[in-house]
Amino acid sequence: MIVALLEALKGDPDLLDRLTQHDYGAYHSADFHVSKWQEQWRQGRDLWRLKVWNLEDKGLRYRVVYAFMPQKQRYHVLAIAPREFDYDSNHPLSQRILRAYQAL
C-alpha cells in the first residue's frame, strides 16, 4: 500500500506538491496526512512525515519519513517507521535517518 501510494504520487505533480504542505490531509481530509518533523525543521533540515489514512484505518500504523531537496525538486524516502517512533533525536532510528539525510 505504501509503495502504491508513492508510485501514484510520483505520477501526479499536484499530489507531489502536497508533500511539502504542513498539515495537508489532517483529519482524513485527503488520503494522507503530511507534517514537518518539527524539531529537525527548526534546525534547518527539510524532513517530513507522511501518514497514510487507509493503512491507519486497517491498523497498519506506519509513517514514511522523507526529505525534500528543493534545489533538485526531489523527495527521498529515508525510513518507514512504526507509529510508536517518537522522533527523539537520540533514538537509533532518528540517528540513522539523520545520517542518511546528511549523505544526500
Protein backbone atom coordinates (compact mmCIF):
# COMPACT_ATOMS: atom_id res chain seq x y z
CA MET A 1 0.00 0.00 0.00
CA ILE A 2 2.82 2.46 0.80
CA VAL A 3 4.64 1.62 -2.42
CA ALA A 4 1.40 2.05 -4.40
CA LEU A 5 0.85 5.48 -2.87
CA LEU A 6 4.43 6.53 -3.59
CA GLU A 7 4.04 5.42 -7.21
CA ALA A 8 0.78 7.38 -7.50
CA LEU A 9 2.45 10.46 -6.04
CA LYS A 10 5.33 10.14 -8.47
CA GLY A 11 2.94 10.48 -11.39
CA ASP A 12 0.91 13.40 -10.04
CA PRO A 13 2.67 16.79 -9.72
CA ASP A 14 -0.23 18.26 -7.72
CA LEU A 15 -0.06 15.49 -5.11
CA LEU A 16 3.73 15.72 -5.02
CA ASP A 17 3.37 19.39 -4.18
CA ARG A 18 1.20 18.43 -1.20
CA LEU A 19 4.15 16.58 0.34
CA THR A 20 5.57 19.92 1.46
CA GLN A 21 2.34 21.42 2.78
CA HIS A 22 2.37 21.05 6.55
CA ASP A 23 -0.83 19.52 7.88
CA TYR A 24 -2.17 18.65 4.44
CA GLY A 25 -4.76 15.90 4.81
CA ALA A 26 -5.38 16.39 8.52
CA TYR A 27 -8.49 14.74 9.94
CA HIS A 28 -8.91 12.41 6.95
CA SER A 29 -9.47 15.34 4.57
CA ALA A 30 -7.24 13.58 2.00
CA ASP A 31 -5.76 10.10 1.50
CA PHE A 32 -2.70 11.01 3.56
CA HIS A 33 -1.52 13.47 6.20
CA VAL A 34 1.72 15.43 5.91
CA SER A 35 3.60 17.11 8.71
CA LYS A 36 7.02 18.58 9.27
CA TRP A 37 9.41 16.86 11.63
CA GLN A 38 9.29 19.99 13.77
CA GLU A 39 12.48 19.53 15.79
CA GLN A 40 14.55 18.88 12.68
CA TRP A 41 12.76 21.59 10.69
CA ARG A 42 13.78 24.17 13.33
CA GLN A 43 17.38 23.05 12.81
CA GLY A 44 17.19 23.69 9.07
CA ARG A 45 16.56 20.12 7.93
CA ASP A 46 13.78 19.64 5.37
CA LEU A 47 12.38 16.46 6.94
CA TRP A 48 8.75 15.39 6.77
CA ARG A 49 6.39 12.65 7.91
CA LEU A 50 3.64 11.06 5.84
CA LYS A 51 0.76 9.13 7.40
CA VAL A 52 -1.44 7.04 5.08
CA TRP A 53 -5.02 7.10 6.38
CA ASN A 54 -6.04 3.90 4.59
CA LEU A 55 -3.34 1.99 6.44
CA GLU A 56 -4.19 3.66 9.74
CA ASP A 57 -7.79 2.58 9.37
CA LYS A 58 -6.63 -1.03 8.90
CA GLY A 59 -4.43 -0.93 11.99
CA LEU A 60 -1.19 -0.73 9.99
CA ARG A 61 0.34 2.28 11.67
CA TYR A 62 3.49 3.35 9.91
CA ARG A 63 5.00 6.69 8.96
CA VAL A 64 7.04 7.47 5.88
CA VAL A 65 9.88 9.78 6.84
CA TYR A 66 11.27 11.68 3.89
CA ALA A 67 13.40 14.61 2.88
CA PHE A 68 12.69 17.21 0.25
CA MET A 69 15.58 18.71 -1.68
CA PRO A 70 14.18 21.93 -3.18
CA GLN A 71 17.30 22.60 -5.29
CA LYS A 72 16.67 19.40 -7.23
CA GLN A 73 12.89 19.19 -6.64
CA ARG A 74 13.43 15.65 -5.29
CA TYR A 75 11.95 13.65 -2.48
CA HIS A 76 13.94 10.95 -0.70
CA VAL A 77 12.28 8.31 1.47
CA LEU A 78 14.59 7.82 4.43
CA ALA A 79 12.57 5.43 6.59
CA ILE A 80 9.31 3.61 7.11
CA ALA A 81 8.83 3.95 10.85
CA PRO A 82 6.30 2.40 13.22
CA ARG A 83 3.80 4.82 14.69
CA GLU A 84 5.39 4.37 18.12
CA PHE A 85 8.57 6.05 16.87
CA ASP A 86 8.75 9.29 18.88
CA TYR A 87 11.17 11.28 16.67
CA ASP A 88 13.59 11.79 19.57
CA SER A 89 16.92 12.90 18.08
CA ASN A 90 18.79 10.39 20.22
CA HIS A 91 16.73 7.40 19.10
CA PRO A 92 18.75 4.97 16.91
CA LEU A 93 16.23 5.30 14.06
CA SER A 94 16.47 9.10 14.23
CA GLN A 95 20.24 8.82 14.12
CA ARG A 96 20.08 6.58 11.04
CA ILE A 97 17.64 8.98 9.33
CA LEU A 98 19.85 11.97 10.11
CA ARG A 99 22.93 10.20 8.73
CA ALA A 100 21.02 9.37 5.55
CA TYR A 101 19.86 12.98 5.29
CA GLN A 102 23.43 14.25 5.65
CA ALA A 103 24.52 11.88 2.87
CA LEU A 104 22.04 13.35 0.36
